[in-house]
């Protein structure tokens, strides 16, 4: 998705699934903690429904509407973490897995042998 879009301008836009079926309206936008880039949209899926999180990266903004490459049923079955709160890294990982998106695991820290520690017995 375009990264130069102001996230506040996404709120209230209509969202359509891969088949062109209206899913709902963007209720909130969540930014990446490290980059500040819009990463997730919370979509209000109906009058009495909950918000469903959808990743913005594979989505497209076309003619003022957001088009996501997922089926409506998959979006409605997304894990529910509630809105208005920060998404933890574990919650984001669950969402990425739900949508079948590969996420690079954080690089593992290698063990390094830095030698002996100096202590009272050392000269």
Protein backbone atom coordinates (compact mmCIF):
# COMPACT_ATOMS: atom_id res chain seq x y z
CA UNK A 1 0.00 0.00 0.00
CA UNK A 2 1.11 3.59 -0.50
CA UNK A 3 3.09 4.71 2.52
CA UNK A 4 2.62 8.45 1.96
CA UNK A 5 -1.08 8.36 2.89
CA UNK A 6 -2.05 10.06 6.12
CA UNK A 7 -3.61 7.31 8.29
CA UNK A 8 -6.32 9.73 9.42
CA UNK A 9 -7.47 9.92 5.80
CA UNK A 10 -8.15 6.17 5.79
CA UNK A 11 -10.67 6.30 8.62
CA UNK A 12 -14.23 6.16 7.32
CA UNK A 13 -13.29 4.70 3.93
CA UNK A 14 -15.22 1.71 2.62
CA UNK A 15 -13.43 -1.65 2.36
CA UNK A 16 -14.02 -4.35 -0.24
CA UNK A 17 -12.80 -7.96 -0.30
CA UNK A 18 -11.05 -9.74 -3.19
CA UNK A 19 -14.41 -10.40 -4.88
CA UNK A 20 -15.57 -6.80 -4.69
CA UNK A 21 -17.97 -7.46 -1.80
CA UNK A 22 -18.24 -4.63 0.70
CA UNK A 23 -16.83 -5.70 4.08
CA UNK A 24 -17.33 -2.53 6.07
CA UNK A 25 -15.67 0.75 6.95
CA UNK A 26 -12.24 1.56 8.39
CA UNK A 27 -12.72 2.40 12.05
CA UNK A 28 -9.08 2.74 13.18
CA UNK A 29 -5.58 2.55 11.71
CA UNK A 30 -2.64 1.04 13.59
CA UNK A 31 0.91 2.19 12.90
CA UNK A 32 4.10 0.17 13.05
CA UNK A 33 5.91 1.05 16.30
CA UNK A 34 9.33 1.29 14.67
CA UNK A 35 8.52 3.04 11.38
CA UNK A 36 5.23 4.87 12.00
CA UNK A 37 3.89 3.41 8.74
CA UNK A 38 0.21 2.35 8.69
CA UNK A 39 0.23 -1.43 9.16
CA UNK A 40 -3.28 -2.58 10.20
CA UNK A 41 -6.81 -1.33 9.69
CA UNK A 42 -9.65 -2.16 12.04
CA UNK A 43 -12.72 -2.66 9.84
CA UNK A 44 -16.21 -2.25 11.31
CA UNK A 45 -17.90 -5.21 9.63
CA UNK A 46 -21.51 -4.31 10.42
CA UNK A 47 -23.81 -2.30 12.63
CA UNK A 48 -23.68 -4.77 15.53
CA UNK A 49 -20.45 -6.52 14.55
CA UNK A 50 -16.98 -6.19 15.93
CA UNK A 51 -13.96 -4.65 14.23
CA UNK A 52 -11.75 -7.06 12.29
CA UNK A 53 -8.05 -6.37 11.76
CA UNK A 54 -6.79 -6.43 8.18
CA UNK A 55 -3.16 -5.95 7.09
CA UNK A 56 -2.67 -2.87 4.93
CA UNK A 57 0.48 -4.04 3.15
CA UNK A 58 -1.08 -6.31 0.51
CA UNK A 59 -4.11 -4.01 0.20
CA UNK A 60 -4.71 -1.25 -2.35
CA UNK A 61 -6.33 2.13 -2.09
CA UNK A 62 -8.34 2.62 -5.30
CA UNK A 63 -10.66 5.52 -6.03
CA UNK A 64 -11.07 6.32 -2.34
CA UNK A 65 -11.83 2.75 -1.23
CA UNK A 66 -9.60 0.07 0.26
CA UNK A 67 -9.44 -3.27 -1.58
CA UNK A 68 -8.02 -6.19 0.38
CA UNK A 69 -6.89 -9.47 -1.22
CA UNK A 70 -8.83 -11.66 1.23
CA UNK A 71 -12.30 -13.19 1.35
CA UNK A 72 -14.91 -11.60 3.59
CA UNK A 73 -15.29 -14.83 5.61
CA UNK A 74 -11.55 -14.92 6.41
CA UNK A 75 -11.67 -11.30 7.57
CA UNK A 76 -14.71 -11.90 9.78
CA UNK A 77 -12.93 -14.92 11.36
CA UNK A 78 -9.79 -12.93 12.22
CA UNK A 79 -8.71 -13.02 15.88
CA UNK A 80 -10.54 -10.41 17.94
CA UNK A 81 -8.22 -8.30 20.09
CA UNK A 82 -10.56 -5.36 20.58
CA UNK A 83 -9.84 -1.91 19.27
CA UNK A 84 -8.40 1.17 20.87
CA UNK A 85 -5.46 -0.71 22.35
CA UNK A 86 -1.93 -1.39 21.19
CA UNK A 87 -1.37 -4.66 19.31
CA UNK A 88 1.37 -6.73 20.90
CA UNK A 89 3.98 -8.44 18.70
CA UNK A 90 2.33 -11.79 19.57
CA UNK A 91 -1.08 -10.52 18.46
CA UNK A 92 0.37 -9.21 15.21
CA UNK A 93 2.01 -12.57 14.60
CA UNK A 94 -1.34 -14.33 15.14
CA UNK A 95 -2.95 -11.99 12.62
CA UNK A 96 -0.20 -12.52 10.04
CA UNK A 97 -0.59 -16.30 10.42
CA UNK A 98 -4.37 -16.01 10.15
CA UNK A 99 -4.00 -14.27 6.78
CA UNK A 100 -1.32 -16.71 5.61
CA UNK A 101 1.30 -14.00 5.34
CA UNK A 102 4.92 -14.88 5.94
CA UNK A 103 6.62 -12.83 8.56
CA UNK A 104 10.35 -12.93 9.02
CA UNK A 105 11.18 -14.01 12.53
CA UNK A 106 13.40 -11.59 14.39
CA UNK A 107 17.06 -12.49 13.95
CA UNK A 108 18.33 -14.74 16.67
CA UNK A 109 21.19 -13.52 18.77
CA UNK A 110 24.25 -15.68 18.40
CA UNK A 111 26.14 -16.81 21.47
CA UNK A 112 29.53 -15.20 21.66
CA UNK A 113 32.36 -16.27 23.90
CA UNK A 114 33.80 -13.05 25.18
CA UNK A 115 36.45 -14.76 27.30
CA UNK A 116 36.79 -15.02 31.02
CA UNK A 117 35.44 -12.46 33.40
CA UNK A 118 37.98 -10.76 35.61
CA UNK A 119 37.51 -11.57 39.24
CA UNK A 120 39.31 -11.41 42.56
CA UNK A 121 41.40 -14.49 41.69
CA UNK A 122 42.59 -13.01 38.41
CA UNK A 123 45.89 -11.04 38.30
